[in-house]
Amino acid sequence: MSKEAQIRAAINQKLIEMGERERLKELLRAKLVECGWKDQLKAHCKEVIKEKGLEHVTVEDLVTEVTPKGRALVPDSVKKELLQRIRAFLAQHAAL
C-alpha cells in the first residue's frame, strides 16, 4: 500500500470513528437536493432508459452511464464546502 493510500485509509478510519463521515454524508445529501442535483440526475436516468429501452438497461449499465455526469454535476461550491469541513476536522484531530 502506498503512503498516500495509507494516509487516506487513516483519515477515513478517523472520520468513521468520530462519526464525522456520516455527518458529511448527510450534509452532502442535503446540499445536492438543495441545488437540484438529485432532480438533474433523475432526469438523466430517465433519458438513458428512454433511449435504450427499459428492457435493455440493467442497473449496472445505468450506473456506468450516469456516474460520470453525476460527478460532473456536483457544484464546485459543494465540493469546496466538503473539503473545507474535512480540513477543519483534520486540523482539530491532527494526531492520526
N, C-alpha and C. Protein backbone atom coordinates (compact mmCIF):
# COMPACT_ATOMS: atom_id res chain seq x y z
N MET A 1 0.84 -1.18 0.00
CA MET A 1 0.00 0.00 0.00
C MET A 1 0.89 1.24 0.00
N SER A 2 0.58 2.18 -0.90
CA SER A 2 1.39 3.40 -1.00
C SER A 2 1.16 4.29 0.23
N LYS A 3 2.06 5.21 0.40
CA LYS A 3 1.96 6.15 1.54
C LYS A 3 0.65 6.94 1.46
N GLU A 4 0.32 7.38 0.25
CA GLU A 4 -0.93 8.15 0.06
C GLU A 4 -2.14 7.29 0.42
N ALA A 5 -2.14 6.04 0.01
CA ALA A 5 -3.26 5.14 0.33
C ALA A 5 -3.36 4.91 1.83
N GLN A 6 -2.22 4.81 2.49
CA GLN A 6 -2.21 4.63 3.95
C GLN A 6 -2.80 5.86 4.65
N ILE A 7 -2.42 7.04 4.17
CA ILE A 7 -2.94 8.28 4.76
C ILE A 7 -4.44 8.39 4.54
N ARG A 8 -4.89 8.08 3.32
CA ARG A 8 -6.34 8.11 3.03
C ARG A 8 -7.09 7.14 3.93
N ALA A 9 -6.54 5.96 4.11
CA ALA A 9 -7.19 4.95 4.96
C ALA A 9 -7.26 5.43 6.40
N ALA A 10 -6.19 6.05 6.88
CA ALA A 10 -6.16 6.56 8.25
C ALA A 10 -7.18 7.68 8.44
N ILE A 11 -7.25 8.58 7.47
CA ILE A 11 -8.23 9.67 7.54
C ILE A 11 -9.64 9.12 7.53
N ASN A 12 -9.89 8.21 6.62
CA ASN A 12 -11.22 7.60 6.52
C ASN A 12 -11.61 6.90 7.82
N GLN A 13 -10.67 6.18 8.40
CA GLN A 13 -10.94 5.48 9.66
C GLN A 13 -11.28 6.47 10.77
N LYS A 14 -10.54 7.58 10.82
CA LYS A 14 -10.78 8.61 11.84
C LYS A 14 -12.15 9.26 11.63
N LEU A 15 -12.50 9.53 10.38
CA LEU A 15 -13.82 10.10 10.08
C LEU A 15 -14.94 9.16 10.53
N ILE A 16 -14.75 7.87 10.30
CA ILE A 16 -15.75 6.87 10.70
C ILE A 16 -15.84 6.78 12.22
N GLU A 17 -14.70 6.66 12.88
CA GLU A 17 -14.67 6.51 14.34
C GLU A 17 -15.33 7.67 15.06
N MET A 18 -15.14 8.87 14.55
CA MET A 18 -15.66 10.06 15.21
C MET A 18 -17.09 10.41 14.76
N GLY A 19 -17.62 9.64 13.81
CA GLY A 19 -18.98 9.90 13.33
C GLY A 19 -19.06 11.04 12.33
N GLU A 20 -17.91 11.58 11.96
CA GLU A 20 -17.90 12.72 11.03
C GLU A 20 -18.26 12.30 9.62
N ARG A 21 -17.93 11.10 9.24
CA ARG A 21 -18.24 10.64 7.88
C ARG A 21 -19.74 10.66 7.64
N GLU A 22 -20.52 10.19 8.60
CA GLU A 22 -21.98 10.20 8.46
C GLU A 22 -22.52 11.62 8.40
N ARG A 23 -21.96 12.51 9.23
CA ARG A 23 -22.39 13.91 9.20
C ARG A 23 -22.08 14.54 7.84
N LEU A 24 -20.91 14.23 7.29
CA LEU A 24 -20.54 14.75 5.97
C LEU A 24 -21.46 14.20 4.88
N LYS A 25 -21.81 12.93 4.99
CA LYS A 25 -22.72 12.33 4.01
C LYS A 25 -24.10 12.98 4.06
N GLU A 26 -24.58 13.26 5.26
CA GLU A 26 -25.88 13.92 5.41
C GLU A 26 -25.83 15.34 4.85
N LEU A 27 -24.74 16.05 5.12
CA LEU A 27 -24.57 17.40 4.57
C LEU A 27 -24.56 17.34 3.05
N LEU A 28 -23.83 16.39 2.49
CA LEU A 28 -23.75 16.25 1.04
C LEU A 28 -25.13 15.97 0.46
N ARG A 29 -25.86 15.04 1.06
CA ARG A 29 -27.22 14.75 0.57
C ARG A 29 -28.09 16.00 0.56
N ALA A 30 -28.07 16.73 1.66
CA ALA A 30 -28.89 17.94 1.77
C ALA A 30 -28.49 18.98 0.73
N LYS A 31 -27.20 19.19 0.56
CA LYS A 31 -26.72 20.19 -0.41
C LYS A 31 -27.07 19.79 -1.84
N LEU A 32 -26.97 18.49 -2.15
CA LEU A 32 -27.28 18.04 -3.51
C LEU A 32 -28.77 18.18 -3.82
N VAL A 33 -29.61 17.91 -2.84
CA VAL A 33 -31.05 18.10 -3.03
C VAL A 33 -31.34 19.59 -3.20
N GLU A 34 -30.73 20.39 -2.34
CA GLU A 34 -30.94 21.84 -2.34
C GLU A 34 -30.57 22.48 -3.68
N CYS A 35 -29.50 22.02 -4.32
CA CYS A 35 -29.06 22.64 -5.57
C CYS A 35 -29.70 22.01 -6.81
N GLY A 36 -30.56 21.02 -6.62
CA GLY A 36 -31.25 20.42 -7.76
C GLY A 36 -30.49 19.28 -8.42
N TRP A 37 -29.37 18.87 -7.85
CA TRP A 37 -28.55 17.80 -8.43
C TRP A 37 -29.35 16.50 -8.56
N LYS A 38 -30.06 16.16 -7.51
CA LYS A 38 -30.82 14.90 -7.49
C LYS A 38 -31.84 14.87 -8.62
N ASP A 39 -32.54 15.99 -8.82
CA ASP A 39 -33.53 16.06 -9.89
C ASP A 39 -32.88 15.98 -11.27
N GLN A 40 -31.72 16.63 -11.42
CA GLN A 40 -31.00 16.58 -12.70
C GLN A 40 -30.57 15.15 -13.02
N LEU A 41 -30.07 14.46 -12.01
CA LEU A 41 -29.60 13.10 -12.22
C LEU A 41 -30.76 12.15 -12.50
N LYS A 42 -31.87 12.37 -11.82
CA LYS A 42 -33.06 11.56 -12.04
C LYS A 42 -33.55 11.74 -13.49
N ALA A 43 -33.54 12.97 -13.97
CA ALA A 43 -33.93 13.25 -15.35
C ALA A 43 -32.98 12.58 -16.33
N HIS A 44 -31.69 12.59 -16.02
CA HIS A 44 -30.71 11.95 -16.90
C HIS A 44 -30.94 10.43 -16.94
N CYS A 45 -31.25 9.85 -15.80
CA CYS A 45 -31.55 8.41 -15.75
C CYS A 45 -32.75 8.09 -16.64
N LYS A 46 -33.76 8.91 -16.55
CA LYS A 46 -34.96 8.70 -17.38
C LYS A 46 -34.63 8.79 -18.86
N GLU A 47 -33.75 9.76 -19.22
CA GLU A 47 -33.32 9.90 -20.62
C GLU A 47 -32.61 8.65 -21.12
N VAL A 48 -31.70 8.15 -20.30
CA VAL A 48 -30.92 6.96 -20.68
C VAL A 48 -31.86 5.77 -20.86
N ILE A 49 -32.79 5.60 -19.95
CA ILE A 49 -33.74 4.48 -20.04
C ILE A 49 -34.61 4.63 -21.27
N LYS A 50 -35.03 5.86 -21.55
CA LYS A 50 -35.88 6.11 -22.72
C LYS A 50 -35.12 5.81 -24.02
N GLU A 51 -33.84 6.22 -24.07
CA GLU A 51 -33.01 5.99 -25.26
C GLU A 51 -32.77 4.51 -25.52
N LYS A 52 -32.42 3.78 -24.46
CA LYS A 52 -32.02 2.38 -24.61
C LYS A 52 -33.20 1.42 -24.52
N GLY A 53 -34.27 1.85 -23.92
CA GLY A 53 -35.41 0.98 -23.71
C GLY A 53 -35.30 0.27 -22.37
N LEU A 54 -36.38 0.25 -21.63
CA LEU A 54 -36.39 -0.31 -20.29
C LEU A 54 -35.91 -1.75 -20.26
N GLU A 55 -36.26 -2.52 -21.28
CA GLU A 55 -35.89 -3.94 -21.31
C GLU A 55 -34.40 -4.15 -21.56
N HIS A 56 -33.74 -3.12 -22.08
CA HIS A 56 -32.33 -3.27 -22.47
C HIS A 56 -31.36 -2.58 -21.52
N VAL A 57 -31.84 -2.10 -20.39
CA VAL A 57 -30.97 -1.39 -19.44
C VAL A 57 -30.93 -2.15 -18.13
N THR A 58 -29.71 -2.45 -17.68
CA THR A 58 -29.54 -3.05 -16.37
C THR A 58 -29.14 -1.95 -15.39
N VAL A 59 -29.21 -2.24 -14.12
CA VAL A 59 -28.78 -1.27 -13.11
C VAL A 59 -27.31 -0.93 -13.32
N GLU A 60 -26.51 -1.94 -13.62
CA GLU A 60 -25.07 -1.72 -13.85
C GLU A 60 -24.84 -0.77 -15.03
N ASP A 61 -25.61 -0.98 -16.11
CA ASP A 61 -25.50 -0.09 -17.27
C ASP A 61 -25.83 1.35 -16.89
N LEU A 62 -26.90 1.49 -16.14
CA LEU A 62 -27.35 2.81 -15.73
C LEU A 62 -26.30 3.50 -14.85
N VAL A 63 -25.74 2.77 -13.91
CA VAL A 63 -24.71 3.33 -13.03
C VAL A 63 -23.49 3.75 -13.85
N THR A 64 -23.07 2.90 -14.77
CA THR A 64 -21.90 3.20 -15.62
C THR A 64 -22.15 4.44 -16.47
N GLU A 65 -23.35 4.55 -16.99
CA GLU A 65 -23.71 5.67 -17.86
C GLU A 65 -23.87 6.99 -17.09
N VAL A 66 -24.43 6.92 -15.91
CA VAL A 66 -24.83 8.11 -15.17
C VAL A 66 -23.73 8.65 -14.24
N THR A 67 -22.87 7.78 -13.75
CA THR A 67 -21.86 8.19 -12.76
C THR A 67 -20.99 9.37 -13.22
N PRO A 68 -20.41 9.34 -14.43
CA PRO A 68 -19.57 10.48 -14.82
C PRO A 68 -20.34 11.81 -14.83
N LYS A 69 -21.56 11.77 -15.34
CA LYS A 69 -22.36 13.01 -15.38
C LYS A 69 -22.73 13.43 -13.96
N GLY A 70 -23.05 12.47 -13.11
CA GLY A 70 -23.39 12.78 -11.72
C GLY A 70 -22.25 13.48 -11.01
N ARG A 71 -21.05 12.99 -11.21
CA ARG A 71 -19.88 13.62 -10.59
C ARG A 71 -19.64 15.02 -11.15
N ALA A 72 -19.82 15.16 -12.45
CA ALA A 72 -19.59 16.45 -13.09
C ALA A 72 -20.62 17.50 -12.66
N LEU A 73 -21.82 17.05 -12.33
CA LEU A 73 -22.89 17.98 -11.96
C LEU A 73 -22.81 18.49 -10.52
N VAL A 74 -21.96 17.89 -9.70
CA VAL A 74 -21.82 18.36 -8.31
C VAL A 74 -21.20 19.76 -8.36
N PRO A 75 -21.91 20.76 -7.84
CA PRO A 75 -21.39 22.13 -7.90
C PRO A 75 -20.06 22.27 -7.15
N ASP A 76 -19.19 23.13 -7.68
CA ASP A 76 -17.89 23.37 -7.05
C ASP A 76 -18.06 23.87 -5.62
N SER A 77 -19.10 24.66 -5.38
CA SER A 77 -19.32 25.19 -4.03
C SER A 77 -19.55 24.06 -3.03
N VAL A 78 -20.24 23.01 -3.45
CA VAL A 78 -20.50 21.86 -2.57
C VAL A 78 -19.20 21.11 -2.32
N LYS A 79 -18.42 20.90 -3.37
CA LYS A 79 -17.12 20.22 -3.21
C LYS A 79 -16.21 21.00 -2.27
N LYS A 80 -16.17 22.32 -2.46
CA LYS A 80 -15.31 23.17 -1.62
C LYS A 80 -15.75 23.13 -0.17
N GLU A 81 -17.06 23.17 0.07
CA GLU A 81 -17.54 23.14 1.45
C GLU A 81 -17.18 21.83 2.13
N LEU A 82 -17.35 20.72 1.42
CA LEU A 82 -16.98 19.42 2.00
C LEU A 82 -15.49 19.35 2.29
N LEU A 83 -14.69 19.79 1.36
CA LEU A 83 -13.24 19.78 1.55
C LEU A 83 -12.84 20.65 2.74
N GLN A 84 -13.48 21.81 2.87
CA GLN A 84 -13.22 22.71 3.99
C GLN A 84 -13.58 22.03 5.31
N ARG A 85 -14.70 21.34 5.35
CA ARG A 85 -15.12 20.64 6.57
C ARG A 85 -14.15 19.52 6.92
N ILE A 86 -13.68 18.79 5.91
CA ILE A 86 -12.72 17.71 6.16
C ILE A 86 -11.41 18.29 6.69
N ARG A 87 -10.96 19.36 6.09
CA ARG A 87 -9.72 20.00 6.56
C ARG A 87 -9.86 20.50 7.99
N ALA A 88 -11.01 21.09 8.31
CA ALA A 88 -11.24 21.58 9.67
C ALA A 88 -11.25 20.41 10.65
N PHE A 89 -11.88 19.32 10.26
CA PHE A 89 -11.91 18.12 11.10
C PHE A 89 -10.49 17.61 11.35
N LEU A 90 -9.71 17.53 10.29
CA LEU A 90 -8.33 17.05 10.41
C LEU A 90 -7.48 17.98 11.27
N ALA A 91 -7.72 19.29 11.16
CA ALA A 91 -6.97 20.24 11.98
C ALA A 91 -7.29 20.05 13.46
N GLN A 92 -8.55 19.73 13.77
CA GLN A 92 -8.95 19.52 15.15
C GLN A 92 -8.42 18.20 15.69
N HIS A 93 -8.30 17.21 14.81
CA HIS A 93 -7.89 15.86 15.22
C HIS A 93 -6.59 15.48 14.51
N ALA A 94 -5.59 16.34 14.63
CA ALA A 94 -4.35 16.22 13.87
C ALA A 94 -3.56 14.94 14.17
N ALA A 95 -3.75 14.35 15.32
CA ALA A 95 -2.99 13.15 15.69
C ALA A 95 -3.59 11.91 15.05
N LEU A 96 -3.32 11.71 13.78
CA LEU A 96 -3.77 10.49 13.10
C LEU A 96 -2.73 9.43 13.37
